[in-house]
Amino acid sequence: ADAAKWRERMTERVASRLQLDAAQKAKLTVLAQAMADQRKALMPEAGGMKAQAKALLAGERFDRAGAQAMVEAKTRALQDKSPAVISAAGDFFDSLKPEQQQQVRDFMDRRGGHRGPRGGQGGQGGEGKRG
């Protein structure tokens, strides 16, 4: 419920900043939901990642087969959900007017990539060290 409220606030914020019309806002909403679905498929329930990591280390030896199974499950989830995200991203971006597209590009340049620091300097930025 909290994630849905956050998505709604972010959608409203982006819609306001880009001055989206109703059709563009609908495409943004589809994109936000597709991204949320992909994230949910990739991330275990609360505390689940820690439990999975602990399970790999629970025995006398590192559970390599278990680790590989985790990677394969994440890869399948990514492969299964990515087409919807790509399609929604394309539909949204392509629906924007040229000046709106430029606003998105400018935001990405300032932001430094997904979850990177503003201004694109240092930190994770587009070439982050996330594992």
N, C-alpha and C. Protein backbone atom coordinates (compact mmCIF):
# COMPACT_ATOMS: atom_id res chain seq x y z
N ALA A 1 0.83 -1.19 0.00
CA ALA A 1 0.00 0.00 0.00
C ALA A 1 0.87 1.25 0.00
N ASP A 2 1.94 1.25 0.80
CA ASP A 2 2.84 2.40 0.84
C ASP A 2 3.52 2.60 -0.51
N ALA A 3 3.92 1.50 -1.14
CA ALA A 3 4.57 1.59 -2.44
C ALA A 3 3.62 2.16 -3.48
N ALA A 4 2.37 1.76 -3.42
CA ALA A 4 1.38 2.26 -4.37
C ALA A 4 1.16 3.76 -4.18
N LYS A 5 1.12 4.21 -2.93
CA LYS A 5 0.96 5.64 -2.66
C LYS A 5 2.17 6.42 -3.15
N TRP A 6 3.37 5.86 -2.92
CA TRP A 6 4.60 6.52 -3.36
C TRP A 6 4.60 6.63 -4.89
N ARG A 7 4.22 5.53 -5.58
CA ARG A 7 4.17 5.53 -7.04
C ARG A 7 3.19 6.59 -7.53
N GLU A 8 2.06 6.69 -6.87
CA GLU A 8 1.05 7.67 -7.26
C GLU A 8 1.58 9.10 -7.08
N ARG A 9 2.25 9.36 -5.95
CA ARG A 9 2.83 10.69 -5.73
C ARG A 9 3.88 11.02 -6.77
N MET A 10 4.73 10.05 -7.07
CA MET A 10 5.79 10.28 -8.06
C MET A 10 5.19 10.52 -9.44
N THR A 11 4.16 9.76 -9.78
CA THR A 11 3.50 9.94 -11.07
C THR A 11 2.90 11.34 -11.16
N GLU A 12 2.25 11.77 -10.10
CA GLU A 12 1.67 13.12 -10.08
C GLU A 12 2.76 14.18 -10.21
N ARG A 13 3.86 13.97 -9.52
CA ARG A 13 4.97 14.94 -9.55
C ARG A 13 5.57 15.05 -10.96
N VAL A 14 5.82 13.89 -11.57
CA VAL A 14 6.37 13.89 -12.93
C VAL A 14 5.37 14.50 -13.90
N ALA A 15 4.10 14.12 -13.77
CA ALA A 15 3.06 14.65 -14.66
C ALA A 15 2.99 16.17 -14.55
N SER A 16 3.13 16.68 -13.35
CA SER A 16 3.08 18.13 -13.14
C SER A 16 4.30 18.81 -13.76
N ARG A 17 5.47 18.26 -13.49
CA ARG A 17 6.71 18.89 -14.01
C ARG A 17 6.78 18.88 -15.52
N LEU A 18 6.31 17.79 -16.12
CA LEU A 18 6.37 17.68 -17.58
C LEU A 18 5.11 18.23 -18.24
N GLN A 19 4.15 18.64 -17.44
CA GLN A 19 2.87 19.14 -17.94
C GLN A 19 2.24 18.12 -18.91
N LEU A 20 2.08 16.90 -18.41
CA LEU A 20 1.54 15.82 -19.23
C LEU A 20 0.04 15.99 -19.45
N ASP A 21 -0.40 15.57 -20.62
CA ASP A 21 -1.84 15.51 -20.86
C ASP A 21 -2.34 14.17 -20.31
N ALA A 22 -3.63 13.94 -20.38
CA ALA A 22 -4.23 12.74 -19.78
C ALA A 22 -3.68 11.45 -20.41
N ALA A 23 -3.50 11.45 -21.72
CA ALA A 23 -3.00 10.25 -22.40
C ALA A 23 -1.55 9.96 -21.99
N GLN A 24 -0.73 11.00 -21.91
CA GLN A 24 0.66 10.83 -21.49
C GLN A 24 0.73 10.35 -20.05
N LYS A 25 -0.11 10.91 -19.20
CA LYS A 25 -0.12 10.51 -17.79
C LYS A 25 -0.53 9.04 -17.66
N ALA A 26 -1.47 8.60 -18.48
CA ALA A 26 -1.89 7.20 -18.45
C ALA A 26 -0.72 6.29 -18.84
N LYS A 27 0.07 6.70 -19.82
CA LYS A 27 1.24 5.91 -20.24
C LYS A 27 2.30 5.90 -19.14
N LEU A 28 2.46 7.01 -18.45
CA LEU A 28 3.40 7.07 -17.33
C LEU A 28 2.95 6.12 -16.21
N THR A 29 1.66 6.08 -15.96
CA THR A 29 1.12 5.19 -14.93
C THR A 29 1.38 3.72 -15.30
N VAL A 30 1.21 3.37 -16.56
CA VAL A 30 1.50 2.01 -17.02
C VAL A 30 2.99 1.70 -16.82
N LEU A 31 3.85 2.65 -17.15
CA LEU A 31 5.29 2.47 -16.96
C LEU A 31 5.63 2.26 -15.49
N ALA A 32 5.08 3.09 -14.63
CA ALA A 32 5.36 2.98 -13.20
C ALA A 32 4.92 1.61 -12.67
N GLN A 33 3.78 1.12 -13.11
CA GLN A 33 3.29 -0.18 -12.66
C GLN A 33 4.17 -1.31 -13.20
N ALA A 34 4.59 -1.21 -14.45
CA ALA A 34 5.46 -2.24 -15.04
C ALA A 34 6.79 -2.30 -14.28
N MET A 35 7.33 -1.14 -13.93
CA MET A 35 8.58 -1.10 -13.18
C MET A 35 8.38 -1.68 -11.78
N ALA A 36 7.25 -1.40 -11.17
CA ALA A 36 6.96 -1.94 -9.84
C ALA A 36 6.81 -3.45 -9.89
N ASP A 37 6.16 -3.94 -10.94
CA ASP A 37 5.99 -5.39 -11.10
C ASP A 37 7.35 -6.07 -11.27
N GLN A 38 8.22 -5.45 -12.05
CA GLN A 38 9.55 -6.02 -12.25
C GLN A 38 10.34 -6.02 -10.94
N ARG A 39 10.28 -4.94 -10.23
CA ARG A 39 11.00 -4.85 -8.96
C ARG A 39 10.50 -5.91 -7.98
N LYS A 40 9.19 -6.07 -7.92
CA LYS A 40 8.60 -7.06 -7.02
C LYS A 40 9.07 -8.47 -7.39
N ALA A 41 9.16 -8.74 -8.68
CA ALA A 41 9.62 -10.06 -9.13
C ALA A 41 11.09 -10.28 -8.80
N LEU A 42 11.87 -9.21 -8.76
CA LEU A 42 13.30 -9.33 -8.51
C LEU A 42 13.65 -9.35 -7.03
N MET A 43 12.85 -8.67 -6.23
CA MET A 43 13.18 -8.53 -4.82
C MET A 43 12.30 -9.45 -3.97
N PRO A 44 12.90 -10.19 -3.07
CA PRO A 44 12.09 -11.04 -2.19
C PRO A 44 11.30 -10.18 -1.20
N GLU A 45 10.37 -10.81 -0.54
CA GLU A 45 9.59 -10.11 0.48
C GLU A 45 10.52 -9.53 1.54
N ALA A 46 9.99 -8.65 2.38
CA ALA A 46 10.78 -7.99 3.42
C ALA A 46 11.55 -9.03 4.24
N GLY A 47 12.84 -8.82 4.35
CA GLY A 47 13.68 -9.73 5.11
C GLY A 47 14.07 -10.97 4.33
N GLY A 48 13.49 -11.16 3.18
CA GLY A 48 13.75 -12.36 2.39
C GLY A 48 15.16 -12.45 1.84
N MET A 49 15.72 -11.33 1.44
CA MET A 49 17.07 -11.34 0.87
C MET A 49 18.08 -11.74 1.93
N LYS A 50 17.91 -11.21 3.13
CA LYS A 50 18.82 -11.57 4.21
C LYS A 50 18.68 -13.07 4.53
N ALA A 51 17.46 -13.56 4.57
CA ALA A 51 17.24 -14.98 4.85
C ALA A 51 17.85 -15.85 3.76
N GLN A 52 17.73 -15.41 2.51
CA GLN A 52 18.33 -16.17 1.41
C GLN A 52 19.85 -16.19 1.53
N ALA A 53 20.44 -15.05 1.84
CA ALA A 53 21.89 -14.98 2.00
C ALA A 53 22.35 -15.85 3.17
N LYS A 54 21.62 -15.80 4.28
CA LYS A 54 21.98 -16.62 5.43
C LYS A 54 21.89 -18.10 5.10
N ALA A 55 20.90 -18.48 4.30
CA ALA A 55 20.74 -19.89 3.91
C ALA A 55 21.95 -20.36 3.10
N LEU A 56 22.51 -19.50 2.29
CA LEU A 56 23.69 -19.87 1.50
C LEU A 56 24.90 -20.14 2.38
N LEU A 57 24.92 -19.51 3.55
CA LEU A 57 26.06 -19.62 4.46
C LEU A 57 25.80 -20.54 5.64
N ALA A 58 24.63 -21.16 5.69
CA ALA A 58 24.22 -21.93 6.86
C ALA A 58 25.00 -23.23 7.04
N GLY A 59 25.42 -23.81 5.98
CA GLY A 59 26.12 -25.10 6.07
C GLY A 59 27.61 -24.93 6.28
N GLU A 60 28.27 -26.06 6.26
CA GLU A 60 29.72 -26.07 6.42
C GLU A 60 30.42 -25.44 5.22
N ARG A 61 29.74 -25.50 4.05
CA ARG A 61 30.30 -24.95 2.83
C ARG A 61 29.28 -23.99 2.20
N PHE A 62 29.79 -23.06 1.45
CA PHE A 62 28.92 -22.11 0.75
C PHE A 62 28.03 -22.88 -0.22
N ASP A 63 26.75 -22.59 -0.23
CA ASP A 63 25.78 -23.29 -1.09
C ASP A 63 25.83 -22.69 -2.50
N ARG A 64 26.75 -23.18 -3.29
CA ARG A 64 26.93 -22.66 -4.65
C ARG A 64 25.74 -22.96 -5.54
N ALA A 65 25.17 -24.14 -5.38
CA ALA A 65 23.99 -24.48 -6.18
C ALA A 65 22.83 -23.56 -5.81
N GLY A 66 22.67 -23.28 -4.54
CA GLY A 66 21.61 -22.37 -4.10
C GLY A 66 21.83 -20.97 -4.62
N ALA A 67 23.08 -20.52 -4.60
CA ALA A 67 23.40 -19.19 -5.12
C ALA A 67 23.11 -19.12 -6.61
N GLN A 68 23.50 -20.16 -7.32
CA GLN A 68 23.24 -20.20 -8.77
C GLN A 68 21.74 -20.21 -9.04
N ALA A 69 20.98 -20.94 -8.24
CA ALA A 69 19.53 -20.98 -8.41
C ALA A 69 18.92 -19.59 -8.17
N MET A 70 19.45 -18.86 -7.19
CA MET A 70 18.97 -17.50 -6.93
C MET A 70 19.23 -16.61 -8.14
N VAL A 71 20.44 -16.71 -8.70
CA VAL A 71 20.79 -15.90 -9.86
C VAL A 71 19.89 -16.25 -11.04
N GLU A 72 19.66 -17.53 -11.24
CA GLU A 72 18.81 -17.96 -12.36
C GLU A 72 17.37 -17.48 -12.18
N ALA A 73 16.89 -17.50 -10.95
CA ALA A 73 15.53 -17.02 -10.69
C ALA A 73 15.43 -15.53 -10.96
N LYS A 74 16.43 -14.77 -10.56
CA LYS A 74 16.44 -13.32 -10.81
C LYS A 74 16.53 -13.05 -12.32
N THR A 75 17.35 -13.83 -13.00
CA THR A 75 17.51 -13.67 -14.45
C THR A 75 16.19 -13.96 -15.16
N ARG A 76 15.50 -15.03 -14.76
CA ARG A 76 14.19 -15.35 -15.36
C ARG A 76 13.20 -14.21 -15.10
N ALA A 77 13.18 -13.69 -13.87
CA ALA A 77 12.26 -12.60 -13.54
C ALA A 77 12.56 -11.37 -14.41
N LEU A 78 13.84 -11.07 -14.58
CA LEU A 78 14.23 -9.94 -15.40
C LEU A 78 13.81 -10.15 -16.85
N GLN A 79 14.05 -11.36 -17.36
CA GLN A 79 13.67 -11.66 -18.74
C GLN A 79 12.16 -11.63 -18.92
N ASP A 80 11.43 -12.10 -17.93
CA ASP A 80 9.97 -12.15 -18.03
C ASP A 80 9.34 -10.76 -17.97
N LYS A 81 9.87 -9.90 -17.13
CA LYS A 81 9.25 -8.59 -16.89
C LYS A 81 9.80 -7.47 -17.76
N SER A 82 11.00 -7.63 -18.28
CA SER A 82 11.62 -6.55 -19.05
C SER A 82 10.85 -6.14 -20.30
N PRO A 83 10.28 -7.06 -21.07
CA PRO A 83 9.54 -6.61 -22.26
C PRO A 83 8.43 -5.62 -21.93
N ALA A 84 7.71 -5.83 -20.84
CA ALA A 84 6.64 -4.91 -20.46
C ALA A 84 7.20 -3.55 -20.06
N VAL A 85 8.33 -3.55 -19.35
CA VAL A 85 8.95 -2.28 -18.95
C VAL A 85 9.46 -1.53 -20.18
N ILE A 86 10.11 -2.24 -21.08
CA ILE A 86 10.64 -1.61 -22.30
C ILE A 86 9.51 -1.04 -23.15
N SER A 87 8.46 -1.82 -23.32
CA SER A 87 7.32 -1.36 -24.11
C SER A 87 6.67 -0.13 -23.48
N ALA A 88 6.46 -0.17 -22.17
CA ALA A 88 5.83 0.96 -21.47
C ALA A 88 6.72 2.19 -21.52
N ALA A 89 8.04 2.00 -21.36
CA ALA A 89 8.97 3.13 -21.42
C ALA A 89 8.95 3.75 -22.81
N GLY A 90 8.96 2.90 -23.83
CA GLY A 90 8.91 3.41 -25.20
C GLY A 90 7.61 4.13 -25.50
N ASP A 91 6.50 3.54 -25.07
CA ASP A 91 5.20 4.17 -25.30
C ASP A 91 5.12 5.54 -24.62
N PHE A 92 5.62 5.60 -23.38
CA PHE A 92 5.59 6.87 -22.65
C PHE A 92 6.49 7.90 -23.32
N PHE A 93 7.76 7.54 -23.53
CA PHE A 93 8.71 8.51 -24.08
C PHE A 93 8.27 8.98 -25.47
N ASP A 94 7.82 8.04 -26.30
CA ASP A 94 7.41 8.39 -27.65
C ASP A 94 6.17 9.27 -27.68
N SER A 95 5.38 9.25 -26.60
CA SER A 95 4.18 10.08 -26.54
C SER A 95 4.49 11.52 -26.16
N LEU A 96 5.71 11.77 -25.69
CA LEU A 96 6.09 13.11 -25.25
C LEU A 96 6.38 14.02 -26.43
N LYS A 97 6.11 15.30 -26.24
CA LYS A 97 6.49 16.32 -27.21
C LYS A 97 8.00 16.48 -27.13
N PRO A 98 8.63 16.98 -28.18
CA PRO A 98 10.09 17.13 -28.17
C PRO A 98 10.62 17.90 -26.96
N GLU A 99 9.94 18.95 -26.55
CA GLU A 99 10.42 19.72 -25.39
C GLU A 99 10.29 18.90 -24.09
N GLN A 100 9.27 18.05 -24.01
CA GLN A 100 9.13 17.18 -22.84
C GLN A 100 10.22 16.10 -22.84
N GLN A 101 10.51 15.57 -24.03
CA GLN A 101 11.59 14.59 -24.13
C GLN A 101 12.91 15.21 -23.67
N GLN A 102 13.14 16.46 -24.06
CA GLN A 102 14.37 17.13 -23.64
C GLN A 102 14.39 17.34 -22.14
N GLN A 103 13.26 17.63 -21.53
CA GLN A 103 13.20 17.76 -20.07
C GLN A 103 13.61 16.44 -19.41
N VAL A 104 13.16 15.33 -19.96
CA VAL A 104 13.53 14.02 -19.41
C VAL A 104 15.04 13.80 -19.55
N ARG A 105 15.58 14.13 -20.71
CA ARG A 105 17.03 13.98 -20.93
C ARG A 105 17.82 14.87 -19.95
N ASP A 106 17.36 16.10 -19.79
CA ASP A 106 18.03 17.02 -18.88
C ASP A 106 17.99 16.50 -17.45
N PHE A 107 16.85 15.95 -17.04
CA PHE A 107 16.73 15.38 -15.70
C PHE A 107 17.71 14.24 -15.52
N MET A 108 17.81 13.37 -16.51
CA MET A 108 18.73 12.24 -16.43
C MET A 108 20.18 12.72 -16.34
N ASP A 109 20.50 13.77 -17.09
CA ASP A 109 21.85 14.33 -17.02
C ASP A 109 22.15 14.90 -15.64
N ARG A 110 21.19 15.62 -15.08
CA ARG A 110 21.38 16.21 -13.74
C ARG A 110 21.43 15.12 -12.68
N ARG A 111 20.62 14.13 -12.85
CA ARG A 111 20.47 13.07 -11.84
C ARG A 111 21.68 12.14 -11.84
N GLY A 112 22.36 12.02 -12.94
CA GLY A 112 23.53 11.15 -12.99
C GLY A 112 23.17 9.69 -13.15
N GLY A 113 21.99 9.39 -13.64
CA GLY A 113 21.57 8.01 -13.80
C GLY A 113 20.66 7.59 -12.67
N HIS A 114 20.18 6.39 -12.73
CA HIS A 114 19.23 5.86 -11.74
C HIS A 114 19.82 5.87 -10.34
N ARG A 115 19.17 6.54 -9.45
CA ARG A 115 19.53 6.61 -8.04
C ARG A 115 20.92 7.16 -7.77
N GLY A 116 21.48 7.82 -8.75
CA GLY A 116 22.79 8.42 -8.56
C GLY A 116 22.66 9.80 -7.93
N PRO A 117 23.78 10.39 -7.54
CA PRO A 117 23.74 11.72 -6.93
C PRO A 117 23.37 12.77 -7.96
N ARG A 118 22.78 13.84 -7.49
CA ARG A 118 22.45 14.94 -8.39
C ARG A 118 23.73 15.54 -8.92
N GLY A 119 23.67 15.97 -10.16
CA GLY A 119 24.84 16.57 -10.77
C GLY A 119 25.75 15.56 -11.44
N GLY A 120 25.49 14.27 -11.23
CA GLY A 120 26.25 13.24 -11.91
C GLY A 120 27.69 13.11 -11.44
N GLN A 121 28.02 13.66 -10.29
CA GLN A 121 29.39 13.62 -9.81
C GLN A 121 29.57 12.50 -8.79
N GLY A 122 30.57 11.67 -8.97
CA GLY A 122 30.93 10.65 -7.98
C GLY A 122 29.80 9.69 -7.67
N GLY A 123 29.92 8.97 -6.57
CA GLY A 123 28.88 8.06 -6.10
C GLY A 123 28.56 6.99 -7.11
N GLN A 124 27.32 6.51 -7.07
CA GLN A 124 26.93 5.42 -7.94
C GLN A 124 26.68 5.89 -9.35
N GLY A 125 25.94 6.97 -9.51
CA GLY A 125 25.67 7.49 -10.84
C GLY A 125 25.29 6.40 -11.81
N GLY A 126 25.56 6.62 -13.08
CA GLY A 126 25.23 5.65 -14.12
C GLY A 126 26.17 4.46 -14.12
N GLU A 127 27.36 4.63 -13.59
CA GLU A 127 28.34 3.54 -13.57
C GLU A 127 28.57 3.10 -12.14
N GLY A 128 27.51 2.94 -11.40
CA GLY A 128 27.60 2.65 -9.97
C GLY A 128 28.26 1.33 -9.65
N LYS A 129 28.53 1.14 -8.39
CA LYS A 129 29.20 -0.06 -7.91
C LYS A 129 28.22 -1.04 -7.32
N ARG A 130 26.94 -0.92 -7.70
CA ARG A 130 25.95 -1.83 -7.14
C ARG A 130 26.23 -3.23 -7.62
N GLY A 131 26.04 -4.19 -6.75
CA GLY A 131 26.39 -5.54 -7.10
C GLY A 131 25.28 -6.38 -7.43
